[in-house]
Amino acid sequence: MDADDPIPLSALQHWAYCPRQCGLIHIEQVFDDNLHTLRGNALHAQVDQPGLQTERGRRVERALPLWHDGLGLIGKADAVEFLPDGTPYPVEYKQGSRNKAAGIAACDDLQLAAQALCLQEMTGRAVQEGAIFYASSKRRRVVPITDALRAEVVATRHAVAAQIASGRLPAPLAGDLAQQRCKPCSLLDRCQPAAAQSPALAQARQHLFEPDADL
């Protein structure tokens, strides 16, 4: 994608999970599936059917296109429930259980908050809350759309835009984050975090276009 294009809402979640993953997907345009992504695809195939229906006395729109011209965001909501006064209530569907690690849950919250900002821009109604539905546990987790979360959406949007404009992949995750997030990532083989962190490989890459360099 070009630097001037609207940022997909999914890119914010990708960046929050791992900036390098975000670069692989949105700069290099690569994506691989594994068991986790296939399960997620199957879940969204069930819920992302565009249409209008009524559930629990609320009007619900599925696969609703979203945008925010001011922030330059674009995407789609799995489901948006409309309260009796017309206030939108976004519901994002995720694979797994409600007992996700706090860091992973925070990535989901960021994506939901971005949807809330888009809905607020589109409808003119303040969106103070949304929910994430976890397929494995079949339970919702209510997410307050706080000022801090809104600010994080804006900051992450600018970080993603800067990354795309640079055209460069960030370094892989390290430490505890790498232990937690690299193994389930479908792009692990493409990312090759151990190789990317190798000093010898980094030096070779630096001199790649210097034929006379003494390596």
Protein backbone atom coordinates (compact mmCIF):
# COMPACT_ATOMS: atom_id res chain seq x y z
CA MET A 1 0.00 0.00 0.00
CA ASP A 2 1.06 3.60 -0.60
CA ALA A 3 1.88 5.99 2.24
CA ASP A 4 -1.05 8.25 1.27
CA ASP A 5 -3.65 5.47 1.32
CA PRO A 6 -6.06 5.19 4.27
CA ILE A 7 -4.72 2.90 6.99
CA PRO A 8 -6.69 -0.36 7.41
CA LEU A 9 -8.08 -0.83 10.90
CA SER A 10 -6.50 -4.28 10.94
CA ALA A 11 -3.07 -2.67 10.57
CA LEU A 12 -3.45 -1.04 13.98
CA GLN A 13 -4.00 -4.44 15.58
CA HIS A 14 -1.09 -5.92 13.63
CA TRP A 15 1.22 -3.11 14.75
CA ALA A 16 0.15 -3.41 18.38
CA TYR A 17 0.84 -7.16 18.24
CA CYS A 18 4.19 -6.76 16.47
CA PRO A 19 5.43 -3.85 14.30
CA ARG A 20 7.46 -6.27 12.19
CA GLN A 21 4.35 -8.36 11.50
CA CYS A 22 2.58 -5.17 10.46
CA GLY A 23 5.41 -4.36 8.04
CA LEU A 24 5.42 -7.81 6.50
CA ILE A 25 1.69 -7.60 5.83
CA HIS A 26 1.24 -3.96 4.88
CA ILE A 27 4.61 -3.12 3.32
CA GLU A 28 5.74 -6.41 1.78
CA GLN A 29 2.15 -7.59 1.19
CA VAL A 30 2.76 -11.13 2.44
CA PHE A 31 0.54 -13.29 4.59
CA ASP A 32 0.55 -16.96 5.47
CA ASP A 33 -2.05 -19.03 7.23
CA ASN A 34 -1.61 -21.37 10.16
CA LEU A 35 -4.06 -23.12 12.46
CA HIS A 36 -4.79 -19.89 14.37
CA THR A 37 -5.50 -17.80 11.26
CA LEU A 38 -7.56 -20.55 9.63
CA ARG A 39 -9.74 -20.77 12.72
CA GLY A 40 -10.12 -17.00 12.67
CA ASN A 41 -11.04 -17.07 8.99
CA ALA A 42 -13.68 -19.71 9.63
CA LEU A 43 -15.15 -17.64 12.45
CA HIS A 44 -15.33 -14.50 10.33
CA ALA A 45 -16.82 -16.42 7.42
CA GLN A 46 -19.75 -17.13 9.74
CA VAL A 47 -20.21 -13.64 11.12
CA ASP A 48 -19.04 -11.36 8.30
CA GLN A 49 -22.14 -11.78 6.15
CA PRO A 50 -23.39 -8.30 5.27
CA GLY A 51 -26.93 -7.74 6.40
CA LEU A 52 -29.34 -6.27 8.88
CA GLN A 53 -31.12 -8.22 11.60
CA THR A 54 -32.53 -7.86 15.09
CA GLU A 55 -30.96 -9.51 18.12
CA ARG A 56 -31.94 -9.05 21.76
CA GLY A 57 -34.21 -6.22 20.69
CA ARG A 58 -31.37 -4.34 18.98
CA ARG A 59 -30.81 -3.61 15.32
CA VAL A 60 -27.57 -5.29 14.26
CA GLU A 61 -25.57 -4.63 11.10
CA ARG A 62 -22.87 -7.11 10.13
CA ALA A 63 -19.78 -6.56 8.02
CA LEU A 64 -20.42 -2.83 8.21
CA PRO A 65 -17.92 -0.69 6.25
CA LEU A 66 -16.17 1.90 8.43
CA TRP A 67 -14.08 4.98 7.74
CA HIS A 68 -12.69 8.07 9.44
CA ASP A 69 -11.64 10.74 6.96
CA GLY A 70 -9.97 12.87 9.63
CA LEU A 71 -7.67 10.09 10.78
CA GLY A 72 -7.38 8.38 7.42
CA LEU A 73 -8.73 5.03 8.59
CA ILE A 74 -10.80 2.48 6.71
CA GLY A 75 -12.07 -1.00 7.49
CA LYS A 76 -15.03 -3.10 8.50
CA ALA A 77 -16.81 -4.00 11.73
CA ASP A 78 -17.79 -7.62 12.36
CA ALA A 79 -21.04 -6.40 13.94
CA VAL A 80 -22.49 -3.13 15.13
CA GLU A 81 -25.46 -3.16 17.47
CA PHE A 82 -27.55 0.00 17.59
CA LEU A 83 -28.97 0.98 20.96
CA PRO A 84 -32.56 2.29 21.16
CA ASP A 85 -31.33 5.88 20.87
CA GLY A 86 -29.31 5.05 17.75
CA THR A 87 -25.90 4.92 19.45
CA PRO A 88 -23.67 2.34 17.75
CA TYR A 89 -22.09 -0.43 19.83
CA PRO A 90 -19.27 -2.27 18.01
CA VAL A 91 -18.74 -5.99 18.63
CA GLU A 92 -15.54 -7.59 17.39
CA TYR A 93 -15.34 -11.39 17.06
CA LYS A 94 -12.10 -13.11 18.03
CA GLN A 95 -10.91 -16.69 18.14
CA GLY A 96 -9.81 -18.10 21.48
CA SER A 97 -11.10 -17.53 24.98
CA ARG A 98 -11.84 -14.52 27.10
CA ASN A 99 -8.81 -15.32 29.26
CA LYS A 100 -6.27 -14.03 26.76
CA ALA A 101 -2.98 -12.63 28.02
CA ALA A 102 -3.30 -8.97 28.90
CA GLY A 103 -0.96 -7.84 26.13
CA ILE A 104 -2.90 -9.72 23.44
CA ALA A 105 -6.23 -8.48 24.78
CA ALA A 106 -4.88 -4.92 24.59
CA CYS A 107 -4.28 -5.38 20.84
CA ASP A 108 -7.91 -6.42 20.44
CA ASP A 109 -9.06 -3.43 22.50
CA LEU A 110 -7.13 -1.06 20.25
CA GLN A 111 -8.82 -2.43 17.13
CA LEU A 112 -12.24 -2.12 18.77
CA ALA A 113 -11.51 1.46 19.86
CA ALA A 114 -10.54 2.35 16.29
CA GLN A 115 -13.90 1.03 15.14
CA ALA A 116 -15.58 3.13 17.81
CA LEU A 117 -13.84 6.29 16.58
CA CYS A 118 -14.95 5.56 13.02
CA LEU A 119 -18.55 4.98 14.11
CA GLN A 120 -18.52 8.18 16.13
CA GLU A 121 -17.26 10.12 13.11
CA MET A 122 -19.85 8.49 10.82
CA THR A 123 -22.90 8.86 13.08
CA GLY A 124 -22.09 11.91 15.18
CA ARG A 125 -22.86 9.93 18.34
CA ALA A 126 -20.36 9.34 21.12
CA VAL A 127 -19.35 5.69 21.38
CA GLN A 128 -18.36 5.01 24.97
CA GLU A 129 -18.32 1.23 24.94
CA GLY A 130 -18.03 -1.87 22.81
CA ALA A 131 -17.41 -5.58 23.30
CA ILE A 132 -15.20 -8.40 22.10
CA PHE A 133 -16.84 -11.79 21.66
CA TYR A 134 -14.52 -14.77 22.08
CA ALA A 135 -15.61 -17.81 20.11
CA SER A 136 -14.05 -20.50 22.29
CA SER A 137 -15.60 -19.33 25.54
CA LYS A 138 -18.68 -17.87 23.80
CA ARG A 139 -18.54 -14.89 26.12
CA ARG A 140 -18.21 -11.17 25.68
CA ARG A 141 -15.73 -8.86 27.31
CA VAL A 142 -16.98 -5.29 27.61
CA VAL A 143 -14.39 -2.66 26.63
CA PRO A 144 -14.83 0.95 27.77
CA ILE A 145 -13.61 3.33 25.06
CA THR A 146 -11.54 5.56 27.33
CA ASP A 147 -9.70 8.75 26.46
CA ALA A 148 -6.42 6.87 26.88
CA LEU A 149 -7.53 4.21 24.40
CA ARG A 150 -8.65 6.86 21.92
CA ALA A 151 -5.26 8.56 22.17
CA GLU A 152 -3.55 5.22 21.61
CA VAL A 153 -5.54 4.73 18.41
CA VAL A 154 -4.33 8.09 17.08
CA ALA A 155 -0.71 7.43 18.09
CA THR A 156 -0.74 3.95 16.56
CA ARG A 157 -2.28 5.23 13.35
CA HIS A 158 0.60 7.71 12.97
CA ALA A 159 3.16 5.02 13.82
CA VAL A 160 1.78 2.70 11.13
CA ALA A 161 1.73 5.51 8.56
CA ALA A 162 5.37 6.38 9.37
CA GLN A 163 6.37 2.74 9.05
CA ILE A 164 4.68 2.39 5.66
CA ALA A 165 6.23 5.66 4.44
CA SER A 166 9.71 4.42 5.43
CA GLY A 167 9.25 1.16 3.52
CA ARG A 168 11.44 -0.61 6.10
CA LEU A 169 10.77 -3.59 8.31
CA PRO A 170 11.32 -2.98 12.02
CA ALA A 171 13.48 -5.31 14.07
CA PRO A 172 11.86 -8.47 15.43
CA LEU A 173 10.44 -8.60 18.91
CA ALA A 174 12.79 -9.62 21.68
CA GLY A 175 12.62 -10.91 25.23
CA ASP A 176 9.32 -11.81 26.84
CA LEU A 177 7.25 -10.37 23.98
CA ALA A 178 9.01 -12.62 21.49
CA GLN A 179 8.47 -15.64 23.70
CA GLN A 180 4.76 -14.85 23.91
CA ARG A 181 3.97 -13.72 20.38
CA CYS A 182 6.38 -15.21 17.83
CA LYS A 183 5.49 -18.90 18.09
CA PRO A 184 1.77 -18.54 17.22
CA CYS A 185 2.46 -16.02 14.44
CA SER A 186 1.75 -17.38 10.96
CA LEU A 187 4.59 -15.26 9.53
CA LEU A 188 7.31 -16.74 11.74
CA ASP A 189 9.10 -18.48 8.85
CA ARG A 190 9.11 -15.33 6.72
CA CYS A 191 10.13 -13.14 9.64
CA GLN A 192 13.04 -15.34 10.75
CA PRO A 193 13.59 -13.32 13.93
CA ALA A 194 16.72 -15.22 15.00
CA ALA A 195 18.42 -14.58 11.66
CA ALA A 196 17.32 -10.96 11.54
CA GLN A 197 18.93 -10.35 14.94
CA SER A 198 22.23 -11.95 13.93
CA PRO A 199 25.07 -9.34 13.99
CA ALA A 200 26.87 -11.13 11.14
CA LEU A 201 23.76 -11.08 8.94
CA ALA A 202 23.10 -7.43 9.78
CA GLN A 203 26.64 -6.55 8.70
CA ALA A 204 26.28 -8.52 5.50
CA ARG A 205 23.00 -6.77 4.73
CA GLN A 206 24.60 -3.39 5.36
CA HIS A 207 27.30 -4.11 2.74
CA LEU A 208 25.04 -5.96 0.34
CA PHE A 209 25.45 -3.37 -2.43
CA GLU A 210 29.15 -2.79 -1.86
CA PRO A 211 30.85 -5.45 -4.05
CA ASP A 212 34.33 -4.54 -2.85
CA ALA A 213 33.43 -4.56 0.84
CA ASP A 214 35.63 -6.85 2.94
CA LEU A 215 33.22 -9.04 4.89
